[in-house]
Amino acid sequence: MLGPGCNWQPKSVAPIIPCHSGKLGISSTLILDVMCLILLAVQPGDSHKLVVAANRDELYARATAQAAFWRDAPQVLGGRDLQAGGTWLGITRKGRFAAVTNFREDPPEPLPPRSRGELTANFLTSSASCVTYLKQVHKVANEYRGFNLIVFDGERCFYYSNREKHIRELVPGCYGLSNQLLNCDWPKVTRGRNQLSTTLEESFTPANLFKLLFCEGDGEPFSQSFIATERYGTSASTVVCVSTSGDVYFEERNFKPMGVQDQVHIYEFSIERQRA
């Protein structure tokens, strides 16, 4: 059971943190602000190191390359933002994973110069540890608009936001991230975390994880996981599973305006072992 309002299907053949609702002091331009969702389980059991279910919400017209291994970085698998560069989510053949969301706020003036998509891309193409990399990011954090960043090096998982400015290691458990701080109290985040935990207690499948991403909400603010309009909405839903034996399952489902399902990309591979 996904609960009330969570029966939508695509059209095709840790502690809770209080968050700002955005109703006061937020400009109307944020109606089309990115409202992504990442549900994340770190070491949820003996069989997996990492399980991720994520939605990318964006203007459908934004130039984007769907998930594939990159020609200029063949180790990296993920979609690419062709307008600003970088990626919102990706994983490498060595098991490094990264994902980023924007932070919902009025745009600062002047706008910081750097693209948040490079935060994930730079981690995926580096060999630095999570802590070393995030310390480097912390030094230049003000050069980006507000962001939330998750990085995983194959063993340990960390979270950093330049609106909190604290490097946090994620202990085993289920987490939810949207466009406020990790585990905020938005309904889609708290509901998603709870449903992810319940799903993982059973013999889950990728299809079960996608169901968590297709919730239409109940009419309350920030309760809608999947957005489908003519111009803006969920453009990609992704499930990533990394097993303790080193097997990776990656599936991305892409969507057109009004939630019409587009292409599906599935990749399965074994993590490359580090050479002695």
C-alpha atoms as a PDB file:
ATOM      1  CA  MET A   1       0.000   0.000   0.000  1.00  0.00           C
ATOM      2  CA  LEU A   2       1.340   3.407  -0.973  1.00  0.00           C
ATOM      3  CA  GLY A   3      -1.403   5.296   0.805  1.00  0.00           C
ATOM      4  CA  PRO A   4      -3.918   7.942  -0.340  1.00  0.00           C
ATOM      5  CA  GLY A   5      -2.996   9.788  -3.488  1.00  0.00           C
ATOM      6  CA  CYS A   6      -0.144   7.429  -4.328  1.00  0.00           C
ATOM      7  CA  ASN A   7      -1.692   5.320  -7.047  1.00  0.00           C
ATOM      8  CA  TRP A   8      -0.399   7.286 -10.053  1.00  0.00           C
ATOM      9  CA  GLN A   9       1.338   5.350 -12.793  1.00  0.00           C
ATOM     10  CA  PRO A  10       3.244   6.788 -15.786  1.00  0.00           C
ATOM     11  CA  LYS A  11       1.230   7.179 -18.971  1.00  0.00           C
ATOM     12  CA  SER A  12       2.600   4.579 -21.339  1.00  0.00           C
ATOM     13  CA  VAL A  13       1.927   1.208 -23.076  1.00  0.00           C
ATOM     14  CA  ALA A  14      17.090   9.553  10.454  1.00  0.00           C
ATOM     15  CA  PRO A  15      15.644  12.556  12.489  1.00  0.00           C
ATOM     16  CA  ILE A  16      13.134  14.839  10.845  1.00  0.00           C
ATOM     17  CA  ILE A  17      14.322  18.414  10.286  1.00  0.00           C
ATOM     18  CA  PRO A  18      11.706  21.215  10.232  1.00  0.00           C
ATOM     19  CA  CYS A  19      11.885  23.101   6.931  1.00  0.00           C
ATOM     20  CA  HIS A  20      10.675  26.394   5.567  1.00  0.00           C
ATOM     21  CA  SER A  21       7.500  25.903   3.566  1.00  0.00           C
ATOM     22  CA  GLY A  22       8.393  28.547   1.034  1.00  0.00           C
ATOM     23  CA  LYS A  23       5.009  30.285   1.451  1.00  0.00           C
ATOM     24  CA  LEU A  24       6.534  33.479   2.855  1.00  0.00           C
ATOM     25  CA  GLY A  25       9.430  35.443   1.452  1.00  0.00           C
ATOM     26  CA  ILE A  26       9.787  33.226  -1.622  1.00  0.00           C
ATOM     27  CA  SER A  27       9.375  34.687  -5.079  1.00  0.00           C
ATOM     28  CA  SER A  28       6.791  33.352  -7.518  1.00  0.00           C
ATOM     29  CA  THR A  29       9.600  32.283  -9.854  1.00  0.00           C
ATOM     30  CA  LEU A  30      10.161  29.329  -7.533  1.00  0.00           C
ATOM     31  CA  ILE A  31       6.991  27.704  -8.840  1.00  0.00           C
ATOM     32  CA  LEU A  32       9.257  26.193 -11.489  1.00  0.00           C
ATOM     33  CA  ASP A  33      12.231  25.679  -9.165  1.00  0.00           C
ATOM     34  CA  VAL A  34      13.713  22.212  -9.158  1.00  0.00           C
ATOM     35  CA  MET A  35      11.787  20.014  -6.714  1.00  0.00           C
ATOM     36  CA  CYS A  36      13.698  16.757  -6.900  1.00  0.00           C
ATOM     37  CA  LEU A  37      13.446  13.853  -4.475  1.00  0.00           C
ATOM     38  CA  ILE A  38      16.128  11.376  -3.403  1.00  0.00           C
ATOM     39  CA  LEU A  39      15.253   8.411  -1.181  1.00  0.00           C
ATOM     40  CA  LEU A  40      18.388   6.724   0.068  1.00  0.00           C
ATOM     41  CA  ALA A  41      19.169   3.637   2.136  1.00  0.00           C
ATOM     42  CA  VAL A  42      22.710   3.174   3.448  1.00  0.00           C
ATOM     43  CA  GLN A  43      23.602  -0.440   4.278  1.00  0.00           C
ATOM     44  CA  PRO A  44      19.934  -1.397   4.654  1.00  0.00           C
ATOM     45  CA  GLY A  45      20.763  -5.075   5.225  1.00  0.00           C
ATOM     46  CA  ASP A  46      23.218  -7.821   4.533  1.00  0.00           C
ATOM     47  CA  SER A  47      22.551  -7.825   0.786  1.00  0.00           C
ATOM     48  CA  HIS A  48      23.085  -4.149  -0.153  1.00  0.00           C
ATOM     49  CA  LYS A  49      25.480  -1.304   0.550  1.00  0.00           C
ATOM     50  CA  LEU A  50      23.341   1.372  -1.082  1.00  0.00           C
ATOM     51  CA  VAL A  51      19.813   1.680  -2.475  1.00  0.00           C
ATOM     52  CA  VAL A  52      18.618   4.872  -4.171  1.00  0.00           C
ATOM     53  CA  ALA A  53      15.297   5.934  -5.690  1.00  0.00           C
ATOM     54  CA  ALA A  54      15.321   9.457  -7.129  1.00  0.00           C
ATOM     55  CA  ASN A  55      13.253  11.869  -9.207  1.00  0.00           C
ATOM     56  CA  ARG A  56      14.717  14.735 -11.205  1.00  0.00           C
ATOM     57  CA  ASP A  57      12.183  17.536 -11.731  1.00  0.00           C
ATOM     58  CA  GLU A  58      13.014  20.069 -14.422  1.00  0.00           C
ATOM     59  CA  LEU A  59      11.716  22.025 -17.389  1.00  0.00           C
ATOM     60  CA  TYR A  60      11.113  19.421 -20.070  1.00  0.00           C
ATOM     61  CA  ALA A  61      12.705  21.722 -22.652  1.00  0.00           C
ATOM     62  CA  ARG A  62      16.049  21.839 -20.835  1.00  0.00           C
ATOM     63  CA  ALA A  63      18.751  20.224 -22.964  1.00  0.00           C
ATOM     64  CA  THR A  64      19.551  16.866 -21.371  1.00  0.00           C
ATOM     65  CA  ALA A  65      21.322  13.656 -22.332  1.00  0.00           C
ATOM     66  CA  GLN A  66      19.655  10.543 -20.948  1.00  0.00           C
ATOM     67  CA  ALA A  67      21.596   8.004 -18.900  1.00  0.00           C
ATOM     68  CA  ALA A  68      24.609   6.410 -20.567  1.00  0.00           C
ATOM     69  CA  PHE A  69      28.307   5.865 -19.979  1.00  0.00           C
ATOM     70  CA  TRP A  70      30.086   9.103 -20.840  1.00  0.00           C
ATOM     71  CA  ARG A  71      32.315   9.234 -23.906  1.00  0.00           C
ATOM     72  CA  ASP A  72      34.769  11.623 -22.235  1.00  0.00           C
ATOM     73  CA  ALA A  73      34.733   9.681 -18.931  1.00  0.00           C
ATOM     74  CA  PRO A  74      33.892   6.042 -19.767  1.00  0.00           C
ATOM     75  CA  GLN A  75      33.858   5.030 -16.094  1.00  0.00           C
ATOM     76  CA  VAL A  76      30.869   7.277 -15.367  1.00  0.00           C
ATOM     77  CA  LEU A  77      27.218   6.297 -15.870  1.00  0.00           C
ATOM     78  CA  GLY A  78      24.490   8.922 -15.639  1.00  0.00           C
ATOM     79  CA  GLY A  79      22.488  11.552 -17.437  1.00  0.00           C
ATOM     80  CA  ARG A  80      24.016  14.903 -18.339  1.00  0.00           C
ATOM     81  CA  ASP A  81      22.752  18.459 -18.204  1.00  0.00           C
ATOM     82  CA  LEU A  82      23.733  19.810 -21.625  1.00  0.00           C
ATOM     83  CA  GLN A  83      22.843  23.386 -20.692  1.00  0.00           C
ATOM     84  CA  ALA A  84      25.065  23.862 -17.643  1.00  0.00           C
ATOM     85  CA  GLY A  85      27.187  20.714 -17.704  1.00  0.00           C
ATOM     86  CA  GLY A  86      27.583  18.074 -15.058  1.00  0.00           C
ATOM     87  CA  THR A  87      24.947  15.664 -13.815  1.00  0.00           C
ATOM     88  CA  TRP A  88      22.296  15.388 -11.125  1.00  0.00           C
ATOM     89  CA  LEU A  89      23.064  11.726 -10.363  1.00  0.00           C
ATOM     90  CA  GLY A  90      25.624   9.160 -11.429  1.00  0.00           C
ATOM     91  CA  ILE A  91      27.685   6.118 -10.531  1.00  0.00           C
ATOM     92  CA  THR A  92      31.022   4.763 -11.748  1.00  0.00           C
ATOM     93  CA  ARG A  93      32.322   1.309 -12.592  1.00  0.00           C
ATOM     94  CA  LYS A  94      34.329   1.502  -9.363  1.00  0.00           C
ATOM     95  CA  GLY A  95      31.196   2.040  -7.295  1.00  0.00           C
ATOM     96  CA  ARG A  96      31.472   5.772  -6.629  1.00  0.00           C
ATOM     97  CA  PHE A  97      28.037   7.420  -6.477  1.00  0.00           C
ATOM     98  CA  ALA A  98      26.976  11.057  -6.266  1.00  0.00           C
ATOM     99  CA  ALA A  99      23.716  13.002  -6.424  1.00  0.00           C
ATOM    100  CA  VAL A 100      22.813  16.655  -5.971  1.00  0.00           C
ATOM    101  CA  THR A 101      19.648  18.681  -5.415  1.00  0.00           C
ATOM    102  CA  ASN A 102      19.131  22.423  -5.474  1.00  0.00           C
ATOM    103  CA  PHE A 103      18.200  24.290  -2.299  1.00  0.00           C
ATOM    104  CA  ARG A 104      14.859  26.107  -2.470  1.00  0.00           C
ATOM    105  CA  GLU A 105      15.395  29.795  -1.800  1.00  0.00           C
ATOM    106  CA  ASP A 106      15.287  33.195  -3.454  1.00  0.00           C
ATOM    107  CA  PRO A 107      18.162  33.459  -5.954  1.00  0.00           C
ATOM    108  CA  PRO A 108      21.091  35.388  -4.447  1.00  0.00           C
ATOM    109  CA  GLU A 109      22.368  38.547  -6.105  1.00  0.00           C
ATOM    110  CA  PRO A 110      24.699  38.383  -7.848  1.00  0.00           C
ATOM    111  CA  LEU A 111      24.300  34.749  -8.848  1.00  0.00           C
ATOM    112  CA  PRO A 112      27.281  32.556  -7.916  1.00  0.00           C
ATOM    113  CA  PRO A 113      29.252  31.614 -11.033  1.00  0.00           C
ATOM    114  CA  ARG A 114      29.566  27.824 -10.847  1.00  0.00           C
ATOM    115  CA  SER A 115      27.152  25.051 -11.861  1.00  0.00           C
ATOM    116  CA  ARG A 116      26.001  22.672  -9.146  1.00  0.00           C
ATOM    117  CA  GLY A 117      26.056  19.795 -11.623  1.00  0.00           C
ATOM    118  CA  GLU A 118      29.849  19.871 -11.565  1.00  0.00           C
ATOM    119  CA  LEU A 119      29.814  18.902  -7.883  1.00  0.00           C
ATOM    120  CA  THR A 120      28.669  15.409  -8.766  1.00  0.00           C
ATOM    121  CA  ALA A 121      30.660  15.143 -11.984  1.00  0.00           C
ATOM    122  CA  ASN A 122      33.901  16.159 -10.281  1.00  0.00           C
ATOM    123  CA  PHE A 123      33.456  13.560  -7.543  1.00  0.00           C
ATOM    124  CA  LEU A 124      32.647  10.804 -10.012  1.00  0.00           C
ATOM    125  CA  THR A 125      35.746  11.528 -12.079  1.00  0.00           C
ATOM    126  CA  SER A 126      38.072  11.841  -9.077  1.00  0.00           C
ATOM    127  CA  SER A 127      39.674   9.290  -6.776  1.00  0.00           C
ATOM    128  CA  ALA A 128      39.529  11.421  -3.627  1.00  0.00           C
ATOM    129  CA  SER A 129      37.883  10.071  -0.504  1.00  0.00           C
ATOM    130  CA  CYS A 130      34.464  11.474   0.388  1.00  0.00           C
ATOM    131  CA  VAL A 131      35.839  13.556   3.266  1.00  0.00           C
ATOM    132  CA  THR A 132      38.753  14.928   1.247  1.00  0.00           C
ATOM    133  CA  TYR A 133      36.456  15.844  -1.617  1.00  0.00           C
ATOM    134  CA  LEU A 134      33.847  17.509   0.600  1.00  0.00           C
ATOM    135  CA  LYS A 135      36.527  19.539   2.363  1.00  0.00           C
ATOM    136  CA  GLN A 136      37.560  20.829  -1.050  1.00  0.00           C
ATOM    137  CA  VAL A 137      33.932  21.648  -1.851  1.00  0.00           C
ATOM    138  CA  HIS A 138      33.527  23.424   1.495  1.00  0.00           C
ATOM    139  CA  LYS A 139      36.339  25.839   0.587  1.00  0.00           C
ATOM    140  CA  VAL A 140      34.485  27.010  -2.534  1.00  0.00           C
ATOM    141  CA  ALA A 141      30.897  26.455  -1.325  1.00  0.00           C
ATOM    142  CA  ASN A 142      29.935  30.111  -1.780  1.00  0.00           C
ATOM    143  CA  GLU A 143      30.719  29.867  -5.490  1.00  0.00           C
ATOM    144  CA  TYR A 144      27.520  27.829  -5.971  1.00  0.00           C
ATOM    145  CA  ARG A 145      23.866  28.524  -5.397  1.00  0.00           C
ATOM    146  CA  GLY A 146      22.322  26.503  -2.568  1.00  0.00           C
ATOM    147  CA  PHE A 147      22.778  22.753  -2.893  1.00  0.00           C
ATOM    148  CA  ASN A 148      22.593  19.379  -1.178  1.00  0.00           C
ATOM    149  CA  LEU A 149      25.250  16.841  -2.140  1.00  0.00           C
ATOM    150  CA  ILE A 150      25.442  13.100  -1.420  1.00  0.00           C
ATOM    151  CA  VAL A 151      28.643  11.186  -2.157  1.00  0.00           C
ATOM    152  CA  PHE A 152      29.464   7.484  -1.720  1.00  0.00           C
ATOM    153  CA  ASP A 153      32.891   5.964  -2.347  1.00  0.00           C
ATOM    154  CA  GLY A 154      31.798   2.336  -2.367  1.00  0.00           C
ATOM    155  CA  GLU A 155      31.987   1.923   1.410  1.00  0.00           C
ATOM    156  CA  ARG A 156      31.066   5.170   3.189  1.00  0.00           C
ATOM    157  CA  CYS A 157      28.361   7.713   2.403  1.00  0.00           C
ATOM    158  CA  PHE A 158      28.351  11.435   3.265  1.00  0.00           C
ATOM    159  CA  TYR A 159      26.083  14.469   2.967  1.00  0.00           C
ATOM    160  CA  TYR A 160      27.000  18.139   2.651  1.00  0.00           C
ATOM    161  CA  SER A 161      24.952  21.288   2.056  1.00  0.00           C
ATOM    162  CA  ASN A 162      26.373  24.763   1.597  1.00  0.00           C
ATOM    163  CA  ARG A 163      23.385  26.010   3.562  1.00  0.00           C
ATOM    164  CA  GLU A 164      24.379  23.917   6.598  1.00  0.00           C
ATOM    165  CA  LYS A 165      28.155  23.785   5.925  1.00  0.00           C
ATOM    166  CA  HIS A 166      28.753  20.610   7.873  1.00  0.00           C
ATOM    167  CA  ILE A 167      30.118  17.312   6.541  1.00  0.00           C
ATOM    168  CA  ARG A 168      27.912  14.486   7.806  1.00  0.00           C
ATOM    169  CA  GLU A 169      28.597  10.779   7.489  1.00  0.00           C
ATOM    170  CA  LEU A 170      25.394   8.821   6.929  1.00  0.00           C
ATOM    171  CA  VAL A 171      25.135   5.854   9.261  1.00  0.00           C
ATOM    172  CA  PRO A 172      23.104   2.806   8.197  1.00  0.00           C
ATOM    173  CA  GLY A 173      19.462   3.759   7.720  1.00  0.00           C
ATOM    174  CA  CYS A 174      16.952   5.419   5.395  1.00  0.00           C
ATOM    175  CA  TYR A 175      17.130   9.068   4.372  1.00  0.00           C
ATOM    176  CA  GLY A 176      15.072  11.506   2.341  1.00  0.00           C
ATOM    177  CA  LEU A 177      16.308  14.582   0.495  1.00  0.00           C
ATOM    178  CA  SER A 178      14.489  17.183  -1.543  1.00  0.00           C
ATOM    179  CA  ASN A 179      15.213  20.909  -1.752  1.00  0.00           C
ATOM    180  CA  GLN A 180      15.722  21.667   1.912  1.00  0.00           C
ATOM    181  CA  LEU A 181      18.136  19.989   4.324  1.00  0.00           C
ATOM    182  CA  LEU A 182      18.411  16.208   4.603  1.00  0.00           C
ATOM    183  CA  ASN A 183      15.403  14.517   6.271  1.00  0.00           C
ATOM    184  CA  CYS A 184      13.316  17.683   6.289  1.00  0.00           C
ATOM    185  CA  ASP A 185       9.644  17.500   7.278  1.00  0.00           C
ATOM    186  CA  TRP A 186       8.107  17.917   3.818  1.00  0.00           C
ATOM    187  CA  PRO A 187       5.394  15.238   3.425  1.00  0.00           C
ATOM    188  CA  LYS A 188       6.945  13.612   0.363  1.00  0.00           C
ATOM    189  CA  VAL A 189      10.244  13.254   2.236  1.00  0.00           C
ATOM    190  CA  THR A 190       8.864  11.791   5.464  1.00  0.00           C
ATOM    191  CA  ARG A 191       6.413   9.551   3.611  1.00  0.00           C
ATOM    192  CA  GLY A 192       9.103   8.432   1.178  1.00  0.00           C
ATOM    193  CA  ARG A 193      11.525   7.540   3.964  1.00  0.00           C
ATOM    194  CA  ASN A 194       8.912   5.509   5.792  1.00  0.00           C
ATOM    195  CA  GLN A 195       7.820   3.708   2.630  1.00  0.00           C
ATOM    196  CA  LEU A 196      11.419   2.992   1.659  1.00  0.00           C
ATOM    197  CA  SER A 197      12.090   1.455   5.055  1.00  0.00           C
ATOM    198  CA  THR A 198       8.972  -0.716   4.775  1.00  0.00           C
ATOM    199  CA  THR A 199       9.819  -1.744   1.224  1.00  0.00           C
ATOM    200  CA  LEU A 200      13.349  -2.787   2.153  1.00  0.00           C
ATOM    201  CA  GLU A 201      12.092  -4.968   4.995  1.00  0.00           C
ATOM    202  CA  GLU A 202      10.579  -7.195   2.342  1.00  0.00           C
ATOM    203  CA  SER A 203      12.050  -8.826  -0.760  1.00  0.00           C
ATOM    204  CA  PHE A 204      12.111  -5.663  -2.836  1.00  0.00           C
ATOM    205  CA  THR A 205      12.477  -5.211  -6.585  1.00  0.00           C
ATOM    206  CA  PRO A 206      13.312  -2.146  -8.710  1.00  0.00           C
ATOM    207  CA  ALA A 207       9.611  -1.963  -9.589  1.00  0.00           C
ATOM    208  CA  ASN A 208       8.770  -1.604  -5.877  1.00  0.00           C
ATOM    209  CA  LEU A 209      11.225   1.271  -5.592  1.00  0.00           C
ATOM    210  CA  PHE A 210       9.799   3.077  -8.613  1.00  0.00           C
ATOM    211  CA  LYS A 211       6.359   2.951  -7.023  1.00  0.00           C
ATOM    212  CA  LEU A 212       7.707   5.151  -4.222  1.00  0.00           C
ATOM    213  CA  LEU A 213       8.555   7.825  -6.791  1.00  0.00           C
ATOM    214  CA  PHE A 214       5.183   7.952  -8.550  1.00  0.00           C
ATOM    215  CA  CYS A 215       3.098   9.449  -5.726  1.00  0.00           C
ATOM    216  CA  GLU A 216       0.783  12.328  -6.720  1.00  0.00           C
ATOM    217  CA  GLY A 217       0.419  13.511  -3.125  1.00  0.00           C
ATOM    218  CA  ASP A 218      -2.723  14.434  -1.217  1.00  0.00           C
ATOM    219  CA  GLY A 219      -3.033  18.113  -2.070  1.00  0.00           C
ATOM    220  CA  GLU A 220      -0.862  19.318   0.807  1.00  0.00           C
ATOM    221  CA  PRO A 221       2.182  21.454  -0.036  1.00  0.00           C
ATOM    222  CA  PHE A 222       5.289  19.431  -0.864  1.00  0.00           C
ATOM    223  CA  SER A 223       3.432  16.098  -0.778  1.00  0.00           C
ATOM    224  CA  GLN A 224       3.741  15.351  -4.505  1.00  0.00           C
ATOM    225  CA  SER A 225       6.687  13.121  -5.445  1.00  0.00           C
ATOM    226  CA  PHE A 226       5.935  12.918  -9.180  1.00  0.00           C
ATOM    227  CA  ILE A 227       5.099  16.123 -11.054  1.00  0.00           C
ATOM    228  CA  ALA A 228       3.481  16.143 -14.496  1.00  0.00           C
ATOM    229  CA  THR A 229       2.536  19.389 -16.273  1.00  0.00           C
ATOM    230  CA  GLU A 230       2.899  20.693 -19.818  1.00  0.00           C
ATOM    231  CA  ARG A 231       6.184  22.553 -19.249  1.00  0.00           C
ATOM    232  CA  TYR A 232       7.723  21.303 -16.030  1.00  0.00           C
ATOM    233  CA  GLY A 233       7.797  18.034 -14.148  1.00  0.00           C
ATOM    234  CA  THR A 234       9.597  14.817 -13.349  1.00  0.00           C
ATOM    235  CA  SER A 235      11.840  14.291 -16.349  1.00  0.00           C
ATOM    236  CA  ALA A 236      13.707  11.249 -15.002  1.00  0.00           C
ATOM    237  CA  SER A 237      13.165   8.627 -12.295  1.00  0.00           C
ATOM    238  CA  THR A 238      16.173   6.524 -11.340  1.00  0.00           C
ATOM    239  CA  VAL A 239      16.784   3.455  -9.190  1.00  0.00           C
ATOM    240  CA  VAL A 240      20.317   2.438  -8.203  1.00  0.00           C
ATOM    241  CA  CYS A 241      21.142  -0.665  -6.162  1.00  0.00           C
ATOM    242  CA  VAL A 242      24.675  -1.570  -5.075  1.00  0.00           C
ATOM    243  CA  SER A 243      24.941  -5.042  -3.562  1.00  0.00           C
ATOM    244  CA  THR A 244      27.464  -6.144  -0.977  1.00  0.00           C
ATOM    245  CA  SER A 245      28.867  -8.563  -3.555  1.00  0.00           C
ATOM    246  CA  GLY A 246      29.675  -5.633  -5.854  1.00  0.00           C
ATOM    247  CA  ASP A 247      26.844  -5.843  -8.379  1.00  0.00           C
ATOM    248  CA  VAL A 248      25.223  -2.625  -9.604  1.00  0.00           C
ATOM    249  CA  TYR A 249      21.698  -2.261 -10.990  1.00  0.00           C
ATOM    250  CA  PHE A 250      20.892   1.104 -12.602  1.00  0.00           C
ATOM    251  CA  GLU A 251      17.574   1.946 -14.226  1.00  0.00           C
ATOM    252  CA  GLU A 252      16.457   5.343 -15.498  1.00  0.00           C
ATOM    253  CA  ARG A 253      12.929   6.015 -16.751  1.00  0.00           C
ATOM    254  CA  ASN A 254      12.511   9.232 -18.712  1.00  0.00           C
ATOM    255  CA  PHE A 255       9.332  11.257 -19.118  1.00  0.00           C
ATOM    256  CA  LYS A 256       7.844  13.764 -21.522  1.00  0.00           C
ATOM    257  CA  PRO A 257       5.342  16.556 -20.727  1.00  0.00           C
ATOM    258  CA  MET A 258       2.284  15.454 -18.751  1.00  0.00           C
ATOM    259  CA  GLY A 259       4.133  12.399 -17.452  1.00  0.00           C
ATOM    260  CA  VAL A 260       4.151  10.454 -20.713  1.00  0.00           C
ATOM    261  CA  GLN A 261       6.843   7.806 -20.406  1.00  0.00           C
ATOM    262  CA  ASP A 262       9.772   8.115 -22.777  1.00  0.00           C
ATOM    263  CA  GLN A 263      12.811   5.844 -22.992  1.00  0.00           C
ATOM    264  CA  VAL A 264      14.016   3.427 -20.309  1.00  0.00           C
ATOM    265  CA  HIS A 265      17.704   2.709 -19.772  1.00  0.00           C
ATOM    266  CA  ILE A 266      18.881  -0.310 -17.760  1.00  0.00           C
ATOM    267  CA  TYR A 267      22.502  -1.089 -16.933  1.00  0.00           C
ATOM    268  CA  GLU A 268      23.921  -3.917 -14.855  1.00  0.00           C
ATOM    269  CA  PHE A 269      27.601  -4.397 -14.092  1.00  0.00           C
ATOM    270  CA  SER A 270      30.044  -5.589 -11.459  1.00  0.00           C
ATOM    271  CA  ILE A 271      32.196  -3.066  -9.648  1.00  0.00           C
ATOM    272  CA  GLU A 272      35.796  -3.101 -10.787  1.00  0.00           C
ATOM    273  CA  ARG A 273      38.147  -4.238  -8.053  1.00  0.00           C
ATOM    274  CA  GLN A 274      40.925  -1.930  -7.005  1.00  0.00           C
ATOM    275  CA  ARG A 275      44.339  -3.069  -8.190  1.00  0.00           C
ATOM    276  CA  ALA A 276      46.875  -3.786  -5.466  1.00  0.00           C
END
